[in-house]
């Protein structure tokens, strides 16, 4: 009996993902059996401009067992292929470890930080489209309180939600919006003082607060909805990654294809996996490219930073552009009560970042 067969016959522990070489965006799935015996599968991104840039290789102990010849269009498809190989060999996979590995890889690549430019971009889209922000690494939730119709920002809510609280332990799927979980599914958080509020005068001060809070927590930020968190943490459900969809006009899109796959939906979403998931859910007969175009025309999706985002029906131009230096912001509408509350909080020494700590600086 071969060593591999002997291990396959033995008691198995779930295989887990871990961060690999940060330069190649590598993730490694491994099952360690002690005494130097292990099975591993690596996923990495080629830097050579391959048409299919994602590749995988398998090893038993230190011996290479083979590498894919053609590669994969997307990271998610390569990950699913590796997990499928482990499954065919009879090994369970801890899918939740995907999130830990991806977030650790991002932290290593970004030195644990988020750039001011990226923070500002996310803050602007969140403010304009009335969406919450979530740091999957630290659990921080930021939710703007915005009256989009009147162009007013009342303030920013802040809460703390662990990733494990909003992920189903069996399927490892993100099942709740982080902000809704904190504010609706866990109402005691309001009474226990676990949801904080920082009043703001206008969009400029609100964005400044959000950006400072994001920079304080570092990398790991995304929007607070289920799809965005799933995409950020590598927890895109298998049904999306393995989708096979044939729209009515498939011949016009690609005559050589029998169906569209996850990579096509990702292309239609301009690389935004969370929006691609929504396209998969909504396509009934039309092409995802057609649906994305319709969303953009109807204001249901906005293009920002080279990607498409769900807009919740709001335009990025709904608010006034109030400065000549390119900074986007609301016209400064002073609210005396809000200013007074902000001054009072400052006098009492409340930190806008303090939620659980009892208000200390």
Protein backbone atom coordinates (compact mmCIF):
# COMPACT_ATOMS: atom_id res chain seq x y z
CA UNK A 1 0.00 0.00 0.00
CA UNK A 2 1.38 3.43 -0.94
CA UNK A 3 2.01 6.14 1.63
CA UNK A 4 -0.80 8.22 0.12
CA UNK A 5 -3.26 5.32 0.35
CA UNK A 6 -2.22 4.62 3.92
CA UNK A 7 -2.93 8.22 4.90
CA UNK A 8 -6.25 8.12 3.08
CA UNK A 9 -7.22 5.10 5.18
CA UNK A 10 -6.32 6.83 8.46
CA UNK A 11 -8.29 9.20 10.65
CA UNK A 12 -8.59 12.59 8.94
CA UNK A 13 -8.57 16.10 10.26
CA UNK A 14 -10.24 18.87 8.20
CA UNK A 15 -7.84 20.45 5.73
CA UNK A 16 -7.32 24.17 6.30
CA UNK A 17 -6.32 27.11 4.14
CA UNK A 18 -3.37 29.32 5.01
CA UNK A 19 -1.68 32.33 3.42
CA UNK A 20 1.25 31.48 1.13
CA UNK A 21 3.59 33.64 -0.93
CA UNK A 22 2.14 37.15 -0.81
CA UNK A 23 3.84 38.15 -4.08
CA UNK A 24 1.89 35.46 -5.97
CA UNK A 25 -1.40 35.88 -4.05
CA UNK A 26 -0.88 32.29 -2.95
CA UNK A 27 -3.23 30.32 -0.73
CA UNK A 28 -2.34 26.83 0.49
CA UNK A 29 -4.80 24.13 1.53
CA UNK A 30 -3.18 21.40 3.60
CA UNK A 31 -3.95 18.41 5.77
CA UNK A 32 -1.09 17.61 8.14
CA UNK A 33 -0.86 14.07 9.51
CA UNK A 34 2.32 14.48 11.58
CA UNK A 35 5.79 13.06 11.15
CA UNK A 36 6.30 15.09 7.99
CA UNK A 37 3.34 13.58 6.15
CA UNK A 38 0.87 15.99 4.58
CA UNK A 39 -1.26 16.65 1.52
CA UNK A 40 -1.39 20.20 0.15
CA UNK A 41 -2.86 22.13 -2.73
CA UNK A 42 -1.70 25.63 -3.65
CA UNK A 43 -3.51 28.33 -5.61
CA UNK A 44 -1.49 31.21 -7.01
CA UNK A 45 -1.68 33.96 -9.63
CA UNK A 46 0.68 33.99 -12.57
CA UNK A 47 2.53 37.24 -13.22
CA UNK A 48 3.14 36.40 -16.88
CA UNK A 49 -0.12 37.80 -18.24
CA UNK A 50 -1.65 34.37 -18.93
CA UNK A 51 -5.14 34.30 -20.39
CA UNK A 52 -6.09 32.06 -17.47
CA UNK A 53 -3.92 33.50 -14.68
CA UNK A 54 -4.83 31.29 -11.72
CA UNK A 55 -3.04 27.96 -11.25
CA UNK A 56 -2.85 25.17 -8.70
CA UNK A 57 -0.40 22.43 -7.76
CA UNK A 58 -0.70 19.45 -5.40
CA UNK A 59 1.93 17.89 -3.14
CA UNK A 60 2.03 14.79 -1.00
CA UNK A 61 4.68 15.40 1.63
CA UNK A 62 7.50 17.00 -0.40
CA UNK A 63 6.66 15.33 -3.71
CA UNK A 64 4.87 17.29 -6.44
CA UNK A 65 1.82 15.36 -7.65
CA UNK A 66 0.92 17.55 -10.60
CA UNK A 67 0.03 21.02 -11.80
CA UNK A 68 -2.95 22.15 -13.84
CA UNK A 69 -2.11 22.58 -17.51
CA UNK A 70 -4.59 25.25 -18.53
CA UNK A 71 -5.22 27.36 -15.43
CA UNK A 72 -8.41 29.05 -14.32
CA UNK A 73 -10.10 32.34 -15.16
CA UNK A 74 -10.81 33.30 -11.56
CA UNK A 75 -9.41 32.85 -8.09
CA UNK A 76 -12.69 31.35 -6.87
CA UNK A 77 -12.68 28.65 -9.56
CA UNK A 78 -9.11 27.63 -8.69
CA UNK A 79 -9.97 27.42 -4.98
CA UNK A 80 -13.03 25.30 -5.74
CA UNK A 81 -10.91 22.96 -7.90
CA UNK A 82 -8.43 22.40 -5.07
CA UNK A 83 -11.21 21.77 -2.56
CA UNK A 84 -12.85 19.42 -5.04
CA UNK A 85 -9.64 17.40 -5.31
CA UNK A 86 -9.42 17.08 -1.53
CA UNK A 87 -13.08 16.07 -1.43
CA UNK A 88 -12.59 13.38 -4.08
CA UNK A 89 -9.78 11.96 -1.97
CA UNK A 90 -12.11 11.79 1.02
CA UNK A 91 -10.85 14.79 2.99
CA UNK A 92 -13.09 17.36 4.64
CA UNK A 93 -12.22 21.03 4.13
CA UNK A 94 -12.62 23.79 6.70
CA UNK A 95 -14.08 26.41 4.36
CA UNK A 96 -14.11 29.06 7.05
CA UNK A 97 -10.33 28.95 6.99
CA UNK A 98 -10.55 30.57 3.53
CA UNK A 99 -11.54 33.84 5.23
CA UNK A 100 -8.71 33.71 7.75
CA UNK A 101 -6.18 32.92 5.00
CA UNK A 102 -7.34 35.64 2.60
CA UNK A 103 -7.49 38.31 5.28
CA UNK A 104 -4.04 37.30 6.53
CA UNK A 105 -2.72 37.47 2.96
CA UNK A 106 -4.19 40.94 2.46
CA UNK A 107 -2.72 42.10 5.78
CA UNK A 108 0.73 40.85 4.75
CA UNK A 109 0.51 42.51 1.33
CA UNK A 110 -0.74 45.83 2.71
CA UNK A 111 1.32 45.76 5.91
CA UNK A 112 -1.97 45.74 7.81
CA UNK A 113 -2.96 49.17 6.47
CA UNK A 114 -5.50 50.69 4.11
CA UNK A 115 -4.45 53.62 1.96
CA UNK A 116 -6.20 56.95 2.40
CA UNK A 117 -7.16 56.81 -1.28
CA UNK A 118 -8.91 53.44 -0.92
CA UNK A 119 -10.58 54.46 2.33
CA UNK A 120 -11.83 57.68 0.76
CA UNK A 121 -13.21 55.82 -2.27
CA UNK A 122 -15.16 53.35 -0.13
CA UNK A 123 -16.37 56.11 2.19
CA UNK A 124 -17.72 58.18 -0.70
CA UNK A 125 -19.62 55.28 -2.26
CA UNK A 126 -21.01 54.23 1.14
CA UNK A 127 -22.15 57.78 1.89
CA UNK A 128 -23.73 58.36 -1.52
CA UNK A 129 -25.47 54.97 -1.74
CA UNK A 130 -26.56 54.69 1.90
CA UNK A 131 -24.54 51.55 2.65
CA UNK A 132 -22.68 50.38 5.72
CA UNK A 133 -18.99 49.45 5.80
CA UNK A 134 -17.53 46.40 7.53
CA UNK A 135 -14.02 45.35 8.46
CA UNK A 136 -14.00 41.56 8.23
CA UNK A 137 -10.67 41.40 10.06
CA UNK A 138 -11.56 43.51 13.13
CA UNK A 139 -15.38 43.32 13.13
CA UNK A 140 -15.96 47.09 13.01
CA UNK A 141 -19.20 48.30 11.37
CA UNK A 142 -19.68 51.91 10.23
CA UNK A 143 -23.12 53.02 9.04
CA UNK A 144 -23.79 56.55 7.75
CA UNK A 145 -27.09 58.10 8.80
CA UNK A 146 -28.01 59.87 5.57
CA UNK A 147 -31.07 61.66 4.21
CA UNK A 148 -30.13 61.29 0.55
CA UNK A 149 -33.22 63.10 -0.75
CA UNK A 150 -32.40 66.24 1.23
CA UNK A 151 -28.64 65.90 0.93
CA UNK A 152 -28.01 65.74 4.67
CA UNK A 153 -25.72 63.59 6.79
CA UNK A 154 -26.82 63.26 10.41
CA UNK A 155 -23.90 61.19 11.67
CA UNK A 156 -22.16 57.81 11.73
CA UNK A 157 -23.19 54.73 13.71
CA UNK A 158 -20.51 52.34 14.88
CA UNK A 159 -20.80 48.76 16.14
CA UNK A 160 -18.71 45.63 16.50
CA UNK A 161 -19.76 42.33 14.85
CA UNK A 162 -17.51 39.29 14.71
CA UNK A 163 -17.39 37.53 11.35
CA UNK A 164 -18.44 34.28 13.03
CA UNK A 165 -21.69 35.94 14.15
CA UNK A 166 -22.92 36.41 10.56
CA UNK A 167 -21.59 33.21 8.95
CA UNK A 168 -23.60 29.98 9.02
CA UNK A 169 -21.37 27.42 10.77
CA UNK A 170 -22.53 24.53 8.57
CA UNK A 171 -22.50 26.05 5.09
CA UNK A 172 -19.86 28.73 5.84
CA UNK A 173 -22.04 31.21 3.94
CA UNK A 174 -22.50 34.82 5.06
CA UNK A 175 -26.18 34.97 5.99
CA UNK A 176 -26.63 38.48 7.38
CA UNK A 177 -25.78 42.08 6.65
CA UNK A 178 -23.34 43.11 9.39
CA UNK A 179 -25.15 46.37 10.21
CA UNK A 180 -28.60 44.76 10.22
CA UNK A 181 -27.27 42.04 12.50
CA UNK A 182 -26.03 44.63 14.99
CA UNK A 183 -29.04 46.95 14.84
CA UNK A 184 -31.97 44.57 14.24
CA UNK A 185 -31.11 40.95 15.04
CA UNK A 186 -29.28 41.90 18.25
CA UNK A 187 -31.47 44.72 19.68
CA UNK A 188 -29.84 44.49 23.12
CA UNK A 189 -26.77 46.13 21.61
CA UNK A 190 -28.65 49.44 21.65
CA UNK A 191 -29.52 49.15 25.34
CA UNK A 192 -26.07 47.87 26.30
CA UNK A 193 -24.35 50.84 24.69
CA UNK A 194 -22.60 48.67 22.11
CA UNK A 195 -23.78 50.84 19.21
CA UNK A 196 -22.19 54.29 19.20
CA UNK A 197 -23.16 57.41 17.27
CA UNK A 198 -21.01 60.33 16.20
CA UNK A 199 -23.00 63.36 14.95
CA UNK A 200 -21.54 65.22 11.96
CA UNK A 201 -22.19 68.62 10.41
CA UNK A 202 -21.97 67.70 6.75
CA UNK A 203 -20.59 65.15 4.31
CA UNK A 204 -17.06 66.50 4.59
CA UNK A 205 -16.88 65.86 8.33
CA UNK A 206 -18.69 62.51 7.99
CA UNK A 207 -16.24 61.26 5.36
CA UNK A 208 -13.34 62.54 7.47
CA UNK A 209 -14.64 60.53 10.44
CA UNK A 210 -15.12 57.37 8.36
CA UNK A 211 -11.69 57.61 6.73
CA UNK A 212 -9.98 58.10 10.11
CA UNK A 213 -11.86 55.13 11.56
CA UNK A 214 -10.96 52.96 8.56
CA UNK A 215 -7.30 53.93 8.74
CA UNK A 216 -7.28 53.16 12.46
CA UNK A 217 -8.53 49.59 11.85
CA UNK A 218 -6.35 49.01 8.79
CA UNK A 219 -7.05 46.63 5.90
CA UNK A 220 -10.05 44.29 5.66
CA UNK A 221 -12.80 46.76 4.69
CA UNK A 222 -15.78 46.11 2.40
CA UNK A 223 -19.46 47.00 2.29
CA UNK A 224 -21.58 45.49 5.05
CA UNK A 225 -23.98 43.43 2.91
CA UNK A 226 -23.80 39.65 2.62
CA UNK A 227 -22.46 39.54 -0.94
CA UNK A 228 -19.67 42.05 -0.30
CA UNK A 229 -18.52 40.28 2.86
CA UNK A 230 -18.61 36.92 1.05
CA UNK A 231 -16.44 38.30 -1.75
CA UNK A 232 -14.00 39.94 0.66
CA UNK A 233 -13.52 36.78 2.70
CA UNK A 234 -13.41 34.27 -0.14
CA UNK A 235 -16.69 32.74 1.02
CA UNK A 236 -18.50 33.02 -2.31
CA UNK A 237 -20.88 30.01 -2.25
CA UNK A 238 -19.99 27.18 -4.60
CA UNK A 239 -23.29 27.56 -6.50
CA UNK A 240 -22.07 30.91 -7.85
CA UNK A 241 -18.57 29.74 -8.76
CA UNK A 242 -19.89 26.66 -10.58
CA UNK A 243 -22.75 28.48 -12.34
CA UNK A 244 -23.54 27.47 -15.92
CA UNK A 245 -26.01 29.86 -17.55
CA UNK A 246 -27.20 30.09 -21.15
CA UNK A 247 -28.90 33.43 -21.95
CA UNK A 248 -31.11 33.83 -25.00
CA UNK A 249 -28.41 35.71 -26.90
CA UNK A 250 -25.50 33.40 -26.03
CA UNK A 251 -24.46 33.12 -29.70
CA UNK A 252 -24.03 36.89 -29.87
CA UNK A 253 -21.77 36.86 -26.81
CA UNK A 254 -19.53 33.91 -27.68
CA UNK A 255 -20.29 31.43 -30.42
CA UNK A 256 -17.87 28.91 -28.97
CA UNK A 257 -19.55 28.63 -25.57
CA UNK A 258 -22.38 26.38 -24.47
CA UNK A 259 -22.96 28.43 -21.32
CA UNK A 260 -21.62 31.38 -19.37
CA UNK A 261 -19.64 30.71 -16.19
CA UNK A 262 -18.52 32.60 -13.11
CA UNK A 263 -15.74 34.34 -15.02
CA UNK A 264 -18.26 35.84 -17.45
CA UNK A 265 -20.40 37.19 -14.63
CA UNK A 266 -17.27 38.63 -13.03
CA UNK A 267 -16.40 40.33 -16.33
CA UNK A 268 -19.90 41.80 -16.56
CA UNK A 269 -19.48 43.15 -13.02
CA UNK A 270 -16.15 44.79 -13.96
CA UNK A 271 -14.32 42.54 -11.47
CA UNK A 272 -16.59 43.15 -8.47
CA UNK A 273 -17.43 39.67 -7.12
CA UNK A 274 -20.24 40.92 -4.87
CA UNK A 275 -22.06 42.52 -7.82
CA UNK A 276 -21.37 39.41 -9.93
CA UNK A 277 -23.21 37.32 -7.32
CA UNK A 278 -26.22 39.60 -7.63
CA UNK A 279 -26.16 39.24 -11.40
CA UNK A 280 -26.21 35.44 -11.06
CA UNK A 281 -29.26 35.69 -8.79
CA UNK A 282 -31.15 38.04 -11.09
CA UNK A 283 -30.43 36.77 -14.60
CA UNK A 284 -33.47 34.87 -15.94
CA UNK A 285 -33.05 35.02 -19.70
CA UNK A 286 -30.86 38.01 -20.53
CA UNK A 287 -27.09 38.30 -20.63
CA UNK A 288 -25.38 39.51 -17.44
CA UNK A 289 -23.68 42.15 -19.59
CA UNK A 290 -27.09 43.43 -20.70
CA UNK A 291 -28.41 43.42 -17.14
CA UNK A 292 -25.36 45.32 -15.88
CA UNK A 293 -25.84 47.94 -18.61
CA UNK A 294 -29.52 48.29 -17.66
CA UNK A 295 -28.62 48.65 -13.98
CA UNK A 296 -26.16 51.40 -14.78
CA UNK A 297 -28.64 53.26 -17.00
CA UNK A 298 -31.41 52.94 -14.39
CA UNK A 299 -29.19 54.06 -11.53
CA UNK A 300 -29.22 50.66 -9.79
CA UNK A 301 -25.45 50.34 -10.25
CA UNK A 302 -22.71 52.96 -10.24
CA UNK A 303 -19.25 52.87 -11.75
CA UNK A 304 -16.52 53.93 -9.36
CA UNK A 305 -12.82 53.14 -9.38
CA UNK A 306 -13.17 50.96 -12.48
CA UNK A 307 -15.79 48.65 -10.93
CA UNK A 308 -19.57 48.45 -10.72
CA UNK A 309 -21.28 48.76 -7.33
CA UNK A 310 -24.89 48.41 -6.27
CA UNK A 311 -26.24 51.89 -5.61
CA UNK A 312 -29.49 51.14 -3.72
CA UNK A 313 -31.14 53.35 -6.30
CA UNK A 314 -28.98 56.39 -5.48
CA UNK A 315 -26.70 58.26 -7.82
CA UNK A 316 -23.21 59.33 -6.84
CA UNK A 317 -24.25 62.77 -8.14
CA UNK A 318 -27.24 63.12 -5.80
CA UNK A 319 -25.23 65.32 -3.44
CA UNK A 320 -23.78 68.72 -4.21
CA UNK A 321 -20.17 68.99 -5.38
CA UNK A 322 -18.96 71.85 -3.25
CA UNK A 323 -15.27 72.46 -3.84
CA UNK A 324 -12.94 73.28 -6.68
CA UNK A 325 -10.15 70.97 -5.56
CA UNK A 326 -11.99 67.80 -6.56
CA UNK A 327 -13.21 66.92 -3.07
CA UNK A 328 -16.79 65.67 -3.29
CA UNK A 329 -19.04 66.94 -0.52
CA UNK A 330 -22.44 68.23 0.50
CA UNK A 331 -23.16 71.90 0.68
CA UNK A 332 -22.46 72.90 4.28
CA UNK A 333 -25.91 72.86 5.91
CA UNK A 334 -25.41 73.75 9.56
CA UNK A 335 -27.57 71.97 12.11
CA UNK A 336 -27.34 73.76 15.47
CA UNK A 337 -28.65 70.82 17.50
CA UNK A 338 -26.17 68.43 15.90
CA UNK A 339 -23.31 70.86 16.42
CA UNK A 340 -24.29 71.27 20.06
CA UNK A 341 -24.40 67.50 20.56
CA UNK A 342 -20.99 67.15 18.95
CA UNK A 343 -19.50 69.87 21.17
CA UNK A 344 -21.04 68.27 24.25
CA UNK A 345 -19.57 64.88 23.36
CA UNK A 346 -16.18 66.54 22.90
CA UNK A 347 -16.39 68.25 26.30
CA UNK A 348 -17.26 64.97 28.01
CA UNK A 349 -14.24 63.34 26.46
CA UNK A 350 -16.13 60.81 24.34
CA UNK A 351 -14.04 59.29 21.59
CA UNK A 352 -15.82 58.80 18.24
CA UNK A 353 -14.02 55.46 18.06
CA UNK A 354 -15.08 54.23 21.52
CA UNK A 355 -18.04 51.85 21.54
CA UNK A 356 -17.36 49.07 24.01
CA UNK A 357 -14.69 50.86 26.00
CA UNK A 358 -17.15 53.06 27.88
CA UNK A 359 -16.26 56.30 26.12
CA UNK A 360 -12.64 56.68 27.11
CA UNK A 361 -10.27 58.42 24.79
